[in-house]
Each structure stands twice: as structure tokens, then as C-alpha cells.
Amino acid sequence: MISLLQMKFRALLLLLSKVWTCICFMFNRQVRAYQPVKYELFPLSPVSRHRLSLVQRKTLVLDLDETLIHSHHNAMPRNTVKPGTPHDFTVKVTIDRNPVRFFVHKRPHVDYFLDVVSQWYDLVVFTASMEIYGAAVADKLDNGRNILRRRYYRQHCTPDYGSYTKDLSAICSDLNRIFIIDNSPGAYRCFPNNAIPIKSWFSDPMDTALLSLLPMLDALRFTNDVRSVLSRNLHLHRLW
């Protein structure tokens, strides 16, 4: 009888050990998955500082929807966001005399991304959205940091085959030192050598696309002409 109880006790301990191992594995995986990732910023060497002093500061143009954020409004079905997914902030606007409330989700790491690239570039927001909406979203992303001062909206775009293209030359006449990050290749159809494509983002909490761009953006500020580098990425653009 005692021997049987001992066997059952050992079996219970083994089962509990396996359950505990499984719990620890799942917990550690979650911790790793949600562990913040940072791009280490180191002081420039004297050679790098000298090199940077020889080139002009450049302008980085940023799209909003599906590039930095994703939003849906209260009259739109939530096909791209899982029910119950919390939004980061709300934007309330009036369109055609109708109040509309947008629920905005920030792309993972966007705040850190903006903090870093604002040290390297003059930032410009260029969205094909209506100004009343785009301005409110840009205000929230800026969050009082005064890094998204220059903004362009739908009225600054060019209608083109049912979509909108963005004229970078209207922002900076020197195309050597301006480029855009946009999820829509049609937006920079006329300026493929001045563009960095990025995958459209809707709700993936594990997305690291913005962080992945930081090494390139760090290096690009040292070039005389951004097109000398970005023209090598034309195979990544799905323009037509």
C-alpha cells in the first residue's frame, strides 16, 4: 500500500514538474516577445562628425496611415483589427457636419522611432488623408515635442488614377536631400529614387519594421545624395 502511494506521489511530482516547465517556457517566451528593442546610439567619432559637417541636413517625409499608425472609425467595420484590441488614442472630427470618432493604433516603436530620427533629419508629415483628421493624428504623435511641424495633406497631393501622388519637390527643391517612407508605392510614383518602402501595418503587435529602418537611416544622413543609395532599392517597389 505504501509502495503504491509512493509511486502515485512520484507520478504527481513528475506531472507537476512538467506543468511548471511548460509555464516557465511560455512566460519566458512572452517576456522575450514583448521585451523592448532599442537601437543603440553612440557618440560620433571625430571622423564621422567631420563627414557629417560636409553634407547638408536632410528631410525625411513620413506617411501616416498604415505607415506610422492604423485607424478605424466608429462607422467602419473592424476587419483589420481583432475585436477587443485596445487603441492608443481617439481622434474626434467633424466631416460633412457629421461627428466622426477615429480609434488610432500606433505602430510598435513609433514613439522611439520619431525620437531618434528627429535628431538626424527634419521631419515632414505627408498624408493623403483630409487635413482635419491628419492634423489631429500628427498632433497626437508629436505629443508636444515640436518635431512634426511641417505637414502636408490631401489638398497638397496630386490625384492620379483614383489615388494620390505626393510631390516631394514641393517640399524641397533639392532632391539630393529629401526622401519619403510610405507603405503605398503609388504615392511616390514620380520619385522612386527618393523612397524607402515599408510594409503596410494594421495590428501586428510584434512588428519591428520601424526599428529595422534605423541602421539605414543612421547611415543615410552621411550621404551627399540620398538617391545614390535609394536607387539601389528599386526592385523593392511595386509601382505598377
Protein backbone atom coordinates (compact mmCIF):
# COMPACT_ATOMS: atom_id res chain seq x y z
CA MET A 1 0.00 0.00 0.00
CA ILE A 2 2.80 2.39 0.95
CA SER A 3 4.70 1.49 -2.21
CA LEU A 4 1.64 2.28 -4.33
CA LEU A 5 1.23 5.66 -2.65
CA GLN A 6 4.91 6.41 -3.24
CA MET A 7 4.52 5.58 -6.95
CA LYS A 8 1.49 7.84 -7.24
CA PHE A 9 3.29 10.61 -5.39
CA ARG A 10 6.30 10.36 -7.75
CA ALA A 11 3.96 10.42 -10.75
CA LEU A 12 2.25 13.53 -9.37
CA LEU A 13 5.59 15.25 -8.81
CA LEU A 14 6.65 14.41 -12.36
CA LEU A 15 3.41 15.79 -13.73
CA LEU A 16 3.73 18.97 -11.68
CA SER A 17 7.34 19.34 -12.83
CA LYS A 18 6.29 19.13 -16.47
CA VAL A 19 3.48 21.63 -15.95
CA TRP A 20 5.84 24.03 -14.21
CA THR A 21 8.41 23.69 -17.01
CA CYS A 22 5.71 24.44 -19.56
CA ILE A 23 4.54 27.52 -17.63
CA CYS A 24 8.10 28.83 -17.33
CA PHE A 25 8.70 28.30 -21.04
CA MET A 26 5.55 30.19 -22.03
CA PHE A 27 6.29 33.01 -19.59
CA ASN A 28 9.87 33.43 -20.80
CA ARG A 29 8.73 33.42 -24.41
CA GLN A 30 6.20 36.16 -23.67
CA VAL A 31 8.81 38.22 -21.85
CA ARG A 32 11.20 37.88 -24.79
CA ALA A 33 8.45 38.68 -27.28
CA TYR A 34 7.43 41.89 -25.55
CA GLN A 35 10.90 42.92 -24.46
CA PRO A 36 11.55 46.43 -25.78
CA VAL A 37 14.09 46.60 -28.59
CA LYS A 38 16.28 49.65 -28.91
CA TYR A 39 18.80 50.89 -31.46
CA GLU A 40 21.94 51.77 -29.58
CA LEU A 41 23.03 55.35 -30.16
CA PHE A 42 26.72 56.03 -29.71
CA PRO A 43 28.58 59.36 -29.87
CA LEU A 44 30.01 60.09 -33.31
CA SER A 45 33.72 59.68 -33.84
CA PRO A 46 35.71 62.76 -34.92
CA VAL A 47 35.84 61.35 -38.46
CA SER A 48 32.06 60.87 -38.54
CA ARG A 49 31.42 64.35 -37.14
CA HIS A 50 33.65 65.83 -39.82
CA ARG A 51 31.92 63.83 -42.53
CA LEU A 52 28.50 64.95 -41.31
CA SER A 53 29.61 68.59 -41.29
CA LEU A 54 30.34 68.34 -45.03
CA VAL A 55 26.80 67.42 -46.03
CA GLN A 56 23.50 69.26 -45.65
CA ARG A 57 20.89 68.15 -43.16
CA LYS A 58 18.22 66.17 -44.96
CA THR A 59 14.43 65.99 -44.87
CA LEU A 60 12.57 62.81 -44.06
CA VAL A 61 8.94 62.69 -45.19
CA LEU A 62 6.63 60.34 -43.29
CA ASP A 63 3.26 58.93 -44.28
CA LEU A 64 0.67 58.32 -41.56
CA ASP A 65 -1.93 55.62 -42.25
CA GLU A 66 -0.54 52.08 -42.35
CA THR A 67 2.99 53.52 -42.07
CA LEU A 68 3.11 55.10 -38.60
CA ILE A 69 -0.44 54.31 -37.45
CA HIS A 70 -3.63 52.45 -38.34
CA SER A 71 -7.08 53.79 -37.56
CA HIS A 72 -10.73 52.92 -37.99
CA HIS A 73 -13.80 54.99 -37.24
CA ASN A 74 -16.99 54.14 -35.42
CA ALA A 75 -18.99 53.67 -38.63
CA MET A 76 -16.49 51.31 -40.25
CA PRO A 77 -16.33 47.53 -39.75
CA ARG A 78 -13.20 46.47 -37.90
CA ASN A 79 -11.93 43.95 -40.44
CA THR A 80 -8.26 44.67 -39.84
CA VAL A 81 -8.21 44.82 -36.04
CA LYS A 82 -9.15 42.00 -33.71
CA PRO A 83 -12.15 42.78 -31.51
CA GLY A 84 -11.04 43.95 -28.09
CA THR A 85 -7.66 45.27 -29.29
CA PRO A 86 -7.10 48.48 -27.33
CA HIS A 87 -6.41 51.64 -29.31
CA ASP A 88 -3.75 54.16 -28.33
CA PHE A 89 -5.78 57.33 -28.71
CA THR A 90 -9.00 58.70 -30.14
CA VAL A 91 -9.46 61.50 -32.66
CA LYS A 92 -12.82 63.26 -32.87
CA VAL A 93 -13.51 65.29 -36.01
CA THR A 94 -16.49 66.63 -37.93
CA ILE A 95 -16.76 65.62 -41.58
CA ASP A 96 -19.62 66.95 -43.71
CA ARG A 97 -21.28 68.15 -40.48
CA ASN A 98 -21.19 64.64 -39.07
CA PRO A 99 -19.13 63.88 -35.95
CA VAL A 100 -16.73 61.01 -36.55
CA ARG A 101 -14.57 59.31 -33.97
CA PHE A 102 -11.37 57.56 -35.09
CA PHE A 103 -9.71 54.90 -32.98
CA VAL A 104 -5.98 55.11 -33.65
CA HIS A 105 -3.42 52.36 -33.13
CA LYS A 106 0.25 53.34 -33.12
CA ARG A 107 2.70 51.11 -34.95
CA PRO A 108 5.03 49.39 -32.48
CA HIS A 109 8.07 51.52 -31.55
CA VAL A 110 6.78 54.61 -33.38
CA ASP A 111 7.45 56.96 -30.46
CA TYR A 112 11.03 55.78 -30.10
CA PHE A 113 11.48 55.88 -33.88
CA LEU A 114 10.36 59.51 -34.04
CA ASP A 115 12.57 60.46 -31.10
CA VAL A 116 15.64 59.04 -32.85
CA VAL A 117 15.09 60.17 -36.45
CA SER A 118 14.14 63.70 -35.36
CA GLN A 119 17.75 64.03 -34.17
CA TRP A 120 19.02 63.16 -37.65
CA TYR A 121 16.50 64.74 -40.02
CA ASP A 122 13.96 67.50 -40.45
CA LEU A 123 10.67 65.61 -40.31
CA VAL A 124 7.65 66.27 -42.52
CA VAL A 125 4.26 64.56 -42.37
CA PHE A 126 2.70 63.98 -45.79
CA THR A 127 -0.61 62.14 -45.79
CA ALA A 128 -3.31 61.69 -48.41
CA SER A 129 -5.89 61.97 -45.64
CA MET A 130 -8.05 65.01 -45.01
CA GLU A 131 -6.35 67.77 -43.06
CA ILE A 132 -8.89 67.77 -40.23
CA TYR A 133 -8.00 64.14 -39.49
CA GLY A 134 -4.29 64.17 -40.40
CA ALA A 135 -3.56 67.24 -38.31
CA ALA A 136 -5.20 65.72 -35.23
CA VAL A 137 -3.24 62.47 -35.63
CA ALA A 138 0.04 64.35 -36.18
CA ASP A 139 -0.61 66.40 -33.03
CA LYS A 140 -1.01 63.21 -31.01
CA LEU A 141 2.15 61.66 -32.45
CA ASP A 142 4.14 64.83 -31.88
CA ASN A 143 2.93 64.94 -28.27
CA GLY A 144 4.31 68.39 -27.62
CA ARG A 145 7.83 67.57 -28.86
CA ASN A 146 7.56 70.01 -31.77
CA ILE A 147 9.20 67.57 -34.19
CA LEU A 148 6.33 67.29 -36.69
CA ARG A 149 5.87 70.96 -37.50
CA ARG A 150 5.70 70.74 -41.30
CA ARG A 151 2.65 68.92 -42.60
CA TYR A 152 1.05 68.24 -45.98
CA TYR A 153 -2.40 66.77 -46.57
CA ARG A 154 -4.76 65.60 -49.29
CA GLN A 155 -5.06 69.05 -50.83
CA HIS A 156 -1.31 69.01 -51.41
CA CYS A 157 -1.44 65.67 -53.26
CA THR A 158 -1.96 65.14 -56.98
CA PRO A 159 -4.97 62.97 -57.98
CA ASP A 160 -3.69 60.12 -60.14
CA TYR A 161 -5.78 57.20 -61.43
CA GLY A 162 -8.04 57.11 -58.40
CA SER A 163 -5.25 57.55 -55.87
CA TYR A 164 -2.95 60.36 -54.77
CA THR A 165 0.70 61.02 -55.52
CA LYS A 166 2.98 63.16 -53.37
CA ASP A 167 5.23 65.79 -54.93
CA LEU A 168 8.45 65.80 -52.94
CA SER A 169 9.86 68.68 -54.97
CA ALA A 170 7.14 70.93 -53.50
CA ILE A 171 8.66 70.28 -50.07
CA CYS A 172 12.33 70.56 -51.03
CA SER A 173 13.59 71.55 -54.47
CA ASP A 174 16.91 69.80 -53.83
CA LEU A 175 16.06 66.13 -54.40
CA ASN A 176 19.53 65.16 -53.21
CA ARG A 177 18.42 65.60 -49.61
CA ILE A 178 14.79 64.54 -49.33
CA PHE A 179 13.19 61.10 -49.18
CA ILE A 180 9.95 59.51 -48.08
CA ILE A 181 8.88 56.44 -46.11
CA ASP A 182 5.47 55.29 -47.33
CA ASN A 183 3.60 52.00 -47.50
CA SER A 184 1.97 52.96 -50.80
CA PRO A 185 4.33 52.86 -53.83
CA GLY A 186 1.83 54.86 -55.86
CA ALA A 187 2.33 57.80 -53.52
CA TYR A 188 5.94 58.26 -54.67
CA ARG A 189 5.42 57.06 -58.22
CA CYS A 190 7.31 60.08 -59.59
CA PHE A 191 10.15 59.81 -57.06
CA PRO A 192 11.17 56.13 -56.75
CA ASN A 193 14.82 57.11 -56.17
CA ASN A 194 13.76 59.12 -53.12
CA ALA A 195 11.70 56.48 -51.36
CA ILE A 196 12.00 53.74 -48.79
CA PRO A 197 9.15 51.22 -48.99
CA ILE A 198 7.64 49.85 -45.81
CA LYS A 199 5.14 47.07 -45.30
CA SER A 200 1.60 48.19 -44.51
CA TRP A 201 0.81 47.82 -40.82
CA PHE A 202 -2.62 47.18 -39.35
CA SER A 203 -2.45 45.45 -35.99
CA ASP A 204 0.57 43.13 -35.57
CA PRO A 205 1.94 43.87 -32.06
CA MET A 206 5.22 42.12 -32.93
CA ASP A 207 6.01 44.38 -35.89
CA THR A 208 9.57 45.78 -35.92
CA ALA A 209 9.64 47.46 -39.34
CA LEU A 210 10.37 50.93 -37.97
CA LEU A 211 13.24 49.67 -35.83
CA SER A 212 14.66 47.78 -38.80
CA LEU A 213 14.96 51.02 -40.75
CA LEU A 214 17.10 52.80 -38.15
CA PRO A 215 20.51 51.43 -39.25
CA MET A 216 19.86 52.57 -42.83
CA LEU A 217 18.56 55.95 -41.72
CA ASP A 218 21.55 56.40 -39.46
CA ALA A 219 23.92 55.84 -42.39
CA LEU A 220 21.89 57.75 -45.00
CA ARG A 221 22.39 61.11 -43.29
CA PHE A 222 26.10 60.98 -44.22
CA THR A 223 25.49 60.78 -47.97
CA ASN A 224 25.70 63.69 -50.39
CA ASP A 225 22.77 62.40 -52.42
CA VAL A 226 20.19 60.02 -50.94
CA ARG A 227 19.36 58.80 -54.44
CA SER A 228 22.80 57.25 -54.80
CA VAL A 229 21.73 54.73 -52.15
CA LEU A 230 17.97 54.50 -52.50
CA SER A 231 18.07 53.91 -56.27
CA ARG A 232 19.55 50.51 -55.44
CA ASN A 233 16.24 49.50 -53.83
CA LEU A 234 14.04 49.91 -56.89
CA HIS A 235 13.39 46.16 -57.03
CA LEU A 236 11.55 46.53 -53.70
CA HIS A 237 8.98 48.97 -55.12
CA ARG A 238 5.75 47.64 -56.57
CA LEU A 239 4.99 50.73 -58.62
CA TRP A 240 2.86 49.31 -61.39
